[in-house]
Each structure stands twice: as structure tokens, then as C-alpha cells.
């Protein structure tokens, strides 16, 4: 299937607009001085303030960037991850395959900030995520989707 660059650009722009509004809302809800703890086995994240948990969400790991190797790896292509953390990410790959969009069905690619951003926002749109989250562990940057926020 031929890749339609204009259609891809439109999908990315719509997903970016959608994600920006949701991110703004999350930042406003979390406020300042927030701590967090995520768990890949349970596929959850908990935010706390002064040691008191006040909000939780279900996590889906979109993918990871290896800073040492300068590569992106989709969670659906990473057999070492707990299944709960991968969630419905295979649907993002299938969406890319069905529409002939590159990046989405490639198991990995060179770390290019523009491509990673596109992968993140389109994943959020395809899986109707509440927001996005990023964290770093050693030389690995983890990119998450957030779903089902609870608490106040």
C-alpha cells in the first residue's frame, strides 16, 4: 500500500491537537510538587503529594528509546515486557498496517524526535488515551499512555 503523506500529516496534526488539550488538562489537575510511581507489572501509575496518593491511572507502554543505541522500540515488539504494560498496543501496529502508515508497524527505528512524537500522539489517538507520560530509567526513555484516571 502506498503511503499517503498528506493523509498521514493530517492524522498527526489531529492527534497532536487532541493530545495537547488533554496534556494541558492533566498538568492542571496534577499541579505542582507532585511525585509519582509507576509499575509495569501492574500497568499503573500513582501520583502523590506529601506522601499521600491522590490520583491513579492505568498505564500502557507505547515504546522505549535507548539513548545508548539511539533507537525506538515499540512495546508490542518487546517480548521482555509484562503483557499488562503492553495493553492494546498491537492495535496501533494494525492501524498502521491497515492504512499503509510507516513507523506504526515497524518494530523499531532510529531515534528521531519527530518520529517519536508522531508515534506517541497517533498511539494516543488510536487507543483514546487520556494523556501521555514520559519517564527515564538509566539510558532508556519510556513513553506511556494514561487511561482511566481516578482520584481528585
N, C-alpha and C. Protein backbone atom coordinates (compact mmCIF):
# COMPACT_ATOMS: atom_id res chain seq x y z
N UNK A 1 0.85 -1.18 0.00
CA UNK A 1 0.00 0.00 0.00
C UNK A 1 0.89 1.24 0.00
N UNK A 2 0.60 2.17 -0.87
CA UNK A 2 1.33 3.43 -0.98
C UNK A 2 1.03 4.33 0.23
N UNK A 3 2.07 4.94 0.74
CA UNK A 3 1.91 5.85 1.88
C UNK A 3 1.44 7.21 1.38
N UNK A 4 0.33 7.69 1.93
CA UNK A 4 -0.22 9.00 1.59
C UNK A 4 0.30 10.02 2.60
N UNK A 5 1.33 10.79 2.21
CA UNK A 5 1.96 11.73 3.13
C UNK A 5 0.99 12.78 3.64
N UNK A 6 0.12 13.29 2.78
CA UNK A 6 -0.83 14.31 3.21
C UNK A 6 -1.81 13.77 4.23
N UNK A 7 -2.27 12.56 4.01
CA UNK A 7 -3.20 11.94 4.96
C UNK A 7 -2.50 11.69 6.30
N UNK A 8 -1.26 11.21 6.25
CA UNK A 8 -0.51 11.00 7.48
C UNK A 8 -0.32 12.31 8.23
N UNK A 9 0.05 13.36 7.51
CA UNK A 9 0.23 14.67 8.14
C UNK A 9 -1.06 15.15 8.80
N UNK A 10 -2.20 14.89 8.16
CA UNK A 10 -3.49 15.28 8.72
C UNK A 10 -3.77 14.48 10.00
N UNK A 11 -3.53 13.18 9.96
CA UNK A 11 -3.74 12.32 11.13
C UNK A 11 -2.86 12.79 12.29
N UNK A 12 -1.59 13.08 12.00
CA UNK A 12 -0.66 13.52 13.03
C UNK A 12 -1.11 14.86 13.61
N UNK A 13 -1.54 15.79 12.75
CA UNK A 13 -1.96 17.11 13.24
C UNK A 13 -3.19 17.00 14.14
N UNK A 14 -4.17 16.20 13.73
CA UNK A 14 -5.37 16.00 14.56
C UNK A 14 -4.99 15.35 15.89
N UNK A 15 -4.11 14.36 15.84
CA UNK A 15 -3.70 13.67 17.07
C UNK A 15 -2.91 14.61 17.98
N UNK A 16 -2.09 15.48 17.40
CA UNK A 16 -1.31 16.43 18.18
C UNK A 16 -2.22 17.44 18.88
N UNK A 17 -3.20 17.93 18.16
CA UNK A 17 -4.16 18.88 18.74
C UNK A 17 -4.93 18.23 19.89
N UNK A 18 -5.36 17.00 19.67
CA UNK A 18 -6.10 16.25 20.69
C UNK A 18 -5.24 16.03 21.93
N UNK A 19 -3.99 15.58 21.71
CA UNK A 19 -3.10 15.30 22.82
C UNK A 19 -2.75 16.56 23.61
N UNK A 20 -2.54 17.66 22.91
CA UNK A 20 -2.15 18.92 23.59
C UNK A 20 -3.24 19.36 24.57
N UNK A 21 -4.48 19.27 24.15
CA UNK A 21 -5.59 19.67 25.03
C UNK A 21 -5.66 18.75 26.25
N UNK A 22 -5.48 17.47 26.03
CA UNK A 22 -5.56 16.52 27.15
C UNK A 22 -4.36 16.65 28.08
N UNK A 23 -3.18 16.95 27.53
CA UNK A 23 -1.99 17.15 28.36
C UNK A 23 -2.16 18.37 29.25
N UNK A 24 -2.68 19.42 28.67
CA UNK A 24 -2.90 20.66 29.43
C UNK A 24 -3.83 20.39 30.61
N UNK A 25 -4.87 19.63 30.35
CA UNK A 25 -5.82 19.30 31.41
C UNK A 25 -5.16 18.46 32.51
N UNK A 26 -4.33 17.49 32.12
CA UNK A 26 -3.64 16.65 33.11
C UNK A 26 -2.70 17.49 33.97
N UNK A 27 -1.91 18.34 33.35
CA UNK A 27 -0.96 19.18 34.09
C UNK A 27 -1.71 20.06 35.08
N UNK A 28 -2.83 20.60 34.65
CA UNK A 28 -3.66 21.43 35.54
C UNK A 28 -4.19 20.62 36.72
N UNK A 29 -4.61 19.38 36.45
CA UNK A 29 -5.16 18.53 37.51
C UNK A 29 -4.09 18.08 38.50
N UNK A 30 -2.88 17.79 38.01
CA UNK A 30 -1.82 17.31 38.89
C UNK A 30 -1.20 18.43 39.71
N UNK A 31 -1.09 19.60 39.12
CA UNK A 31 -0.50 20.72 39.84
C UNK A 31 1.00 20.57 40.02
N UNK A 32 1.55 21.41 40.88
CA UNK A 32 2.98 21.39 41.16
C UNK A 32 3.30 20.42 42.29
N UNK A 33 4.55 20.23 42.55
CA UNK A 33 5.09 19.42 43.66
C UNK A 33 4.50 18.01 43.75
N UNK A 34 4.26 17.40 42.62
CA UNK A 34 3.68 16.07 42.60
C UNK A 34 4.80 15.03 42.44
N UNK A 35 4.67 13.92 43.15
CA UNK A 35 5.56 12.78 42.98
C UNK A 35 4.75 11.68 42.30
N UNK A 36 5.45 10.74 41.71
CA UNK A 36 4.74 9.65 41.04
C UNK A 36 5.54 8.36 41.14
N UNK A 37 4.84 7.26 40.97
CA UNK A 37 5.44 5.93 40.99
C UNK A 37 4.67 5.08 39.99
N UNK A 38 5.38 4.48 39.04
CA UNK A 38 4.69 3.60 38.09
C UNK A 38 5.18 2.17 38.25
N UNK A 39 4.35 1.24 37.83
CA UNK A 39 4.61 -0.19 37.98
C UNK A 39 4.24 -0.88 36.67
N UNK A 40 5.24 -1.41 35.96
CA UNK A 40 4.96 -2.09 34.69
C UNK A 40 4.19 -3.39 34.88
N UNK A 41 4.49 -4.12 35.95
CA UNK A 41 3.78 -5.39 36.20
C UNK A 41 2.28 -5.16 36.37
N UNK A 42 1.94 -4.12 37.12
CA UNK A 42 0.53 -3.81 37.37
C UNK A 42 -0.04 -2.86 36.32
N UNK A 43 0.82 -2.27 35.52
CA UNK A 43 0.43 -1.29 34.49
C UNK A 43 -0.36 -0.14 35.11
N UNK A 44 0.24 0.42 36.18
CA UNK A 44 -0.41 1.54 36.88
C UNK A 44 0.61 2.63 37.19
N UNK A 45 0.08 3.82 37.39
CA UNK A 45 0.87 4.94 37.89
C UNK A 45 0.07 5.60 38.99
N UNK A 46 0.76 6.02 40.05
CA UNK A 46 0.12 6.69 41.17
C UNK A 46 0.84 8.00 41.42
N UNK A 47 0.08 9.07 41.56
CA UNK A 47 0.63 10.38 41.89
C UNK A 47 0.33 10.66 43.35
N UNK A 48 1.31 11.31 44.01
CA UNK A 48 1.13 11.64 45.41
C UNK A 48 1.69 13.04 45.68
N UNK A 49 1.27 13.56 46.79
CA UNK A 49 1.76 14.86 47.27
C UNK A 49 1.95 14.72 48.77
N UNK A 50 3.15 15.06 49.25
CA UNK A 50 3.47 14.95 50.67
C UNK A 50 3.19 13.54 51.19
N UNK A 51 3.51 12.53 50.35
CA UNK A 51 3.35 11.14 50.75
C UNK A 51 1.94 10.58 50.68
N UNK A 52 0.98 11.39 50.24
CA UNK A 52 -0.42 10.95 50.15
C UNK A 52 -0.82 10.77 48.69
N UNK A 53 -1.18 9.54 48.33
CA UNK A 53 -1.64 9.27 46.96
C UNK A 53 -2.96 10.00 46.73
N UNK A 54 -3.08 10.63 45.56
CA UNK A 54 -4.33 11.32 45.27
C UNK A 54 -4.88 11.01 43.88
N UNK A 55 -4.12 10.32 43.05
CA UNK A 55 -4.62 10.03 41.70
C UNK A 55 -3.89 8.81 41.16
N UNK A 56 -4.62 7.98 40.42
CA UNK A 56 -4.03 6.82 39.76
C UNK A 56 -4.51 6.75 38.33
N UNK A 57 -3.80 5.97 37.53
CA UNK A 57 -4.21 5.72 36.14
C UNK A 57 -3.65 4.38 35.70
N UNK A 58 -4.28 3.85 34.69
CA UNK A 58 -3.77 2.64 34.03
C UNK A 58 -2.74 3.10 33.01
N UNK A 59 -1.62 2.39 32.94
CA UNK A 59 -0.54 2.71 32.01
C UNK A 59 -0.52 1.74 30.85
N UNK A 60 -0.18 2.26 29.69
CA UNK A 60 0.18 1.43 28.55
C UNK A 60 1.53 1.95 28.06
N UNK A 61 2.50 1.08 27.98
CA UNK A 61 3.81 1.49 27.48
C UNK A 61 3.74 1.53 25.95
N UNK A 62 3.95 2.71 25.38
CA UNK A 62 3.94 2.85 23.92
C UNK A 62 5.21 2.24 23.36
N UNK A 63 6.33 2.68 23.90
CA UNK A 63 7.62 2.20 23.44
C UNK A 63 8.72 2.85 24.24
N UNK A 64 9.95 2.49 23.89
CA UNK A 64 11.11 2.99 24.61
C UNK A 64 12.15 3.51 23.63
N UNK A 65 12.92 4.47 24.10
CA UNK A 65 14.06 4.96 23.35
C UNK A 65 15.32 4.58 24.12
N UNK A 66 16.22 3.87 23.46
CA UNK A 66 17.53 3.59 24.03
C UNK A 66 18.44 4.75 23.66
N UNK A 67 18.86 5.49 24.67
CA UNK A 67 19.77 6.62 24.41
C UNK A 67 21.14 6.11 23.98
N UNK A 68 21.57 4.97 24.49
CA UNK A 68 22.87 4.40 24.14
C UNK A 68 22.91 3.98 22.67
N UNK A 69 21.80 3.39 22.19
CA UNK A 69 21.75 2.91 20.82
C UNK A 69 21.05 3.87 19.87
N UNK A 70 20.42 4.89 20.44
CA UNK A 70 19.65 5.88 19.67
C UNK A 70 18.59 5.20 18.79
N UNK A 71 17.80 4.32 19.44
CA UNK A 71 16.74 3.60 18.73
C UNK A 71 15.44 3.64 19.51
N UNK A 72 14.35 3.56 18.79
CA UNK A 72 13.00 3.41 19.34
C UNK A 72 12.61 1.95 19.20
N UNK A 73 11.93 1.39 20.21
CA UNK A 73 11.38 0.04 20.15
C UNK A 73 9.95 0.10 20.64
N UNK A 74 9.01 -0.32 19.78
CA UNK A 74 7.60 -0.38 20.19
C UNK A 74 7.42 -1.42 21.28
N UNK A 75 6.51 -1.17 22.19
CA UNK A 75 6.25 -2.14 23.26
C UNK A 75 5.74 -3.45 22.69
N UNK A 76 4.92 -3.38 21.63
CA UNK A 76 4.38 -4.62 21.05
C UNK A 76 5.48 -5.50 20.45
N UNK A 77 6.65 -4.94 20.20
CA UNK A 77 7.77 -5.69 19.63
C UNK A 77 8.79 -6.10 20.70
N UNK A 78 8.51 -5.82 21.96
CA UNK A 78 9.45 -6.09 23.05
C UNK A 78 8.91 -7.23 23.91
N UNK A 79 9.43 -8.43 23.67
CA UNK A 79 8.95 -9.63 24.37
C UNK A 79 9.30 -9.66 25.85
N UNK A 80 10.18 -8.77 26.31
CA UNK A 80 10.59 -8.80 27.71
C UNK A 80 9.64 -8.03 28.63
N UNK A 81 8.62 -7.39 28.07
CA UNK A 81 7.70 -6.58 28.88
C UNK A 81 6.57 -7.40 29.46
N UNK A 82 6.08 -7.02 30.64
CA UNK A 82 4.88 -7.66 31.17
C UNK A 82 3.70 -7.38 30.23
N UNK A 83 2.91 -8.39 29.92
CA UNK A 83 1.79 -8.20 28.98
C UNK A 83 0.84 -7.06 29.38
N UNK A 84 0.62 -6.88 30.67
CA UNK A 84 -0.30 -5.82 31.11
C UNK A 84 0.19 -4.45 30.67
N UNK A 85 1.50 -4.25 30.63
CA UNK A 85 2.05 -2.94 30.27
C UNK A 85 1.92 -2.65 28.78
N UNK A 86 1.80 -3.69 27.96
CA UNK A 86 1.66 -3.52 26.50
C UNK A 86 0.22 -3.19 26.13
N UNK A 87 -0.71 -3.70 26.91
CA UNK A 87 -2.12 -3.39 26.68
C UNK A 87 -2.57 -3.64 25.25
N UNK A 88 -3.22 -2.65 24.66
CA UNK A 88 -3.77 -2.77 23.30
C UNK A 88 -2.84 -2.22 22.22
N UNK A 89 -1.55 -2.08 22.53
CA UNK A 89 -0.62 -1.51 21.55
C UNK A 89 -0.58 -2.25 20.21
N UNK A 90 -0.83 -3.57 20.16
CA UNK A 90 -0.88 -4.21 18.84
C UNK A 90 -1.92 -3.57 17.91
N UNK A 91 -2.95 -2.94 18.47
CA UNK A 91 -3.95 -2.26 17.65
C UNK A 91 -3.34 -1.07 16.91
N UNK A 92 -2.34 -0.43 17.49
CA UNK A 92 -1.66 0.68 16.83
C UNK A 92 -0.89 0.15 15.62
N UNK A 93 -0.19 -0.96 15.80
CA UNK A 93 0.52 -1.59 14.68
C UNK A 93 -0.47 -1.97 13.58
N UNK A 94 -1.59 -2.57 13.96
CA UNK A 94 -2.59 -2.98 12.99
C UNK A 94 -3.19 -1.77 12.25
N UNK A 95 -3.38 -0.69 12.96
CA UNK A 95 -3.88 0.55 12.35
C UNK A 95 -2.89 1.04 11.29
N UNK A 96 -1.62 1.02 11.62
CA UNK A 96 -0.59 1.43 10.66
C UNK A 96 -0.56 0.53 9.44
N UNK A 97 -0.67 -0.78 9.66
CA UNK A 97 -0.68 -1.73 8.55
C UNK A 97 -1.90 -1.52 7.66
N UNK A 98 -3.06 -1.35 8.27
CA UNK A 98 -4.32 -1.22 7.52
C UNK A 98 -4.35 0.04 6.66
N UNK A 99 -3.67 1.11 7.12
CA UNK A 99 -3.71 2.38 6.40
C UNK A 99 -2.42 2.68 5.63
N UNK A 100 -1.47 1.76 5.68
CA UNK A 100 -0.22 1.97 4.96
C UNK A 100 0.65 3.07 5.55
N UNK A 101 0.53 3.30 6.86
CA UNK A 101 1.34 4.34 7.51
C UNK A 101 2.65 3.73 7.98
N UNK A 102 3.77 4.31 7.57
CA UNK A 102 5.04 3.81 8.10
C UNK A 102 5.18 4.20 9.57
N UNK A 103 6.19 3.75 10.19
CA UNK A 103 6.51 3.99 11.59
C UNK A 103 5.66 3.09 12.50
N UNK A 104 4.35 3.12 12.37
CA UNK A 104 3.48 2.36 13.29
C UNK A 104 3.71 0.85 13.22
N UNK A 105 3.90 0.25 12.05
CA UNK A 105 4.13 -1.19 12.02
C UNK A 105 5.60 -1.62 12.06
N UNK A 106 6.53 -0.68 12.09
CA UNK A 106 7.95 -1.02 12.17
C UNK A 106 8.28 -1.38 13.61
N UNK A 107 8.87 -2.53 13.89
CA UNK A 107 9.19 -2.88 15.27
C UNK A 107 10.09 -1.86 15.95
N UNK A 108 11.03 -1.29 15.20
CA UNK A 108 11.92 -0.28 15.76
C UNK A 108 12.37 0.65 14.64
N UNK A 109 12.95 1.78 15.04
CA UNK A 109 13.51 2.72 14.08
C UNK A 109 14.52 3.59 14.80
N UNK A 110 15.34 4.30 14.03
CA UNK A 110 16.31 5.21 14.63
C UNK A 110 15.58 6.28 15.41
N UNK A 111 16.13 6.63 16.55
CA UNK A 111 15.51 7.64 17.39
C UNK A 111 15.58 9.00 16.71
N UNK A 112 14.45 9.43 16.23
CA UNK A 112 14.31 10.75 15.63
C UNK A 112 13.16 11.42 16.39
N UNK A 113 13.42 12.55 17.06
CA UNK A 113 12.38 13.17 17.90
C UNK A 113 11.05 13.39 17.18
N UNK A 114 11.08 13.76 15.93
CA UNK A 114 9.84 13.98 15.19
C UNK A 114 9.04 12.70 15.01
N UNK A 115 9.72 11.61 14.68
CA UNK A 115 9.03 10.33 14.51
C UNK A 115 8.49 9.80 15.83
N UNK A 116 9.27 9.98 16.89
CA UNK A 116 8.81 9.54 18.22
C UNK A 116 7.56 10.32 18.61
N UNK A 117 7.57 11.63 18.39
CA UNK A 117 6.39 12.44 18.71
C UNK A 117 5.17 11.96 17.92
N UNK A 118 5.36 11.72 16.62
CA UNK A 118 4.25 11.23 15.81
C UNK A 118 3.75 9.89 16.31
N UNK A 119 4.67 8.98 16.64
CA UNK A 119 4.27 7.66 17.16
C UNK A 119 3.46 7.80 18.45
N UNK A 120 3.91 8.69 19.32
CA UNK A 120 3.22 8.89 20.61
C UNK A 120 1.81 9.44 20.42
N UNK A 121 1.68 10.53 19.67
CA UNK A 121 0.36 11.18 19.57
C UNK A 121 -0.63 10.34 18.78
N UNK A 122 -0.15 9.66 17.74
CA UNK A 122 -1.07 8.81 16.97
C UNK A 122 -1.49 7.61 17.82
N UNK A 123 -0.57 7.05 18.60
CA UNK A 123 -0.94 5.96 19.51
C UNK A 123 -2.01 6.42 20.49
N UNK A 124 -1.83 7.62 21.03
CA UNK A 124 -2.82 8.17 21.98
C UNK A 124 -4.18 8.30 21.33
N UNK A 125 -4.21 8.75 20.08
CA UNK A 125 -5.49 8.90 19.39
C UNK A 125 -6.12 7.55 19.07
N UNK A 126 -5.33 6.63 18.55
CA UNK A 126 -5.86 5.30 18.19
C UNK A 126 -6.44 4.59 19.40
N UNK A 127 -5.77 4.70 20.54
CA UNK A 127 -6.23 3.99 21.75
C UNK A 127 -7.02 4.90 22.70
N UNK A 128 -7.39 6.07 22.25
CA UNK A 128 -8.20 7.02 23.02
C UNK A 128 -7.66 7.21 24.44
N UNK A 129 -6.37 7.50 24.52
CA UNK A 129 -5.73 7.70 25.82
C UNK A 129 -6.16 9.02 26.43
N UNK A 130 -6.15 9.06 27.74
CA UNK A 130 -6.47 10.28 28.48
C UNK A 130 -5.33 11.29 28.36
N UNK A 131 -4.09 10.79 28.38
CA UNK A 131 -2.92 11.67 28.30
C UNK A 131 -1.69 10.83 28.02
N UNK A 132 -0.55 11.51 27.93
CA UNK A 132 0.75 10.88 27.71
C UNK A 132 1.64 11.13 28.92
N UNK A 133 2.61 10.24 29.13
CA UNK A 133 3.57 10.39 30.22
C UNK A 133 4.91 9.89 29.73
N UNK A 134 5.97 10.50 30.17
CA UNK A 134 7.33 10.08 29.81
C UNK A 134 8.18 10.03 31.07
N UNK A 135 9.05 9.04 31.14
CA UNK A 135 9.99 8.95 32.25
C UNK A 135 11.28 8.32 31.71
N UNK A 136 12.33 8.44 32.50
CA UNK A 136 13.61 7.88 32.11
C UNK A 136 14.13 6.98 33.21
N UNK A 137 14.66 5.83 32.80
CA UNK A 137 15.28 4.89 33.72
C UNK A 137 16.63 4.52 33.13
N UNK A 138 17.69 5.03 33.73
CA UNK A 138 19.03 4.82 33.16
C UNK A 138 19.12 5.47 31.80
N UNK A 139 19.53 4.70 30.80
CA UNK A 139 19.65 5.26 29.45
C UNK A 139 18.44 4.93 28.58
N UNK A 140 17.31 4.60 29.23
CA UNK A 140 16.08 4.27 28.49
C UNK A 140 15.00 5.29 28.84
N UNK A 141 14.41 5.88 27.80
CA UNK A 141 13.28 6.78 27.98
C UNK A 141 12.02 5.97 27.67
N UNK A 142 11.10 5.98 28.63
CA UNK A 142 9.85 5.22 28.48
C UNK A 142 8.72 6.18 28.15
N UNK A 143 7.92 5.81 27.15
CA UNK A 143 6.80 6.63 26.72
C UNK A 143 5.51 5.86 26.99
N UNK A 144 4.61 6.50 27.75
CA UNK A 144 3.39 5.85 28.20
C UNK A 144 2.14 6.56 27.71
N UNK A 145 1.06 5.80 27.64
CA UNK A 145 -0.30 6.33 27.53
C UNK A 145 -0.93 6.19 28.91
N UNK A 146 -1.77 7.13 29.26
CA UNK A 146 -2.53 7.06 30.51
C UNK A 146 -4.00 6.85 30.17
N UNK A 147 -4.64 5.99 30.94
CA UNK A 147 -6.07 5.70 30.78
C UNK A 147 -6.72 5.64 32.15
N UNK A 148 -8.02 5.87 32.18
CA UNK A 148 -8.84 5.61 33.37
C UNK A 148 -8.32 6.32 34.62
N UNK A 149 -8.10 7.63 34.53
CA UNK A 149 -7.66 8.38 35.71
C UNK A 149 -8.72 8.34 36.78
N UNK A 150 -8.28 8.11 38.01
CA UNK A 150 -9.18 8.13 39.16
C UNK A 150 -8.60 9.05 40.23
N UNK A 151 -9.41 9.46 41.14
CA UNK A 151 -8.98 10.34 42.23
C UNK A 151 -9.22 11.79 41.88
N UNK A 152 -8.78 12.66 42.77
CA UNK A 152 -9.02 14.09 42.53
C UNK A 152 -7.78 14.91 42.68
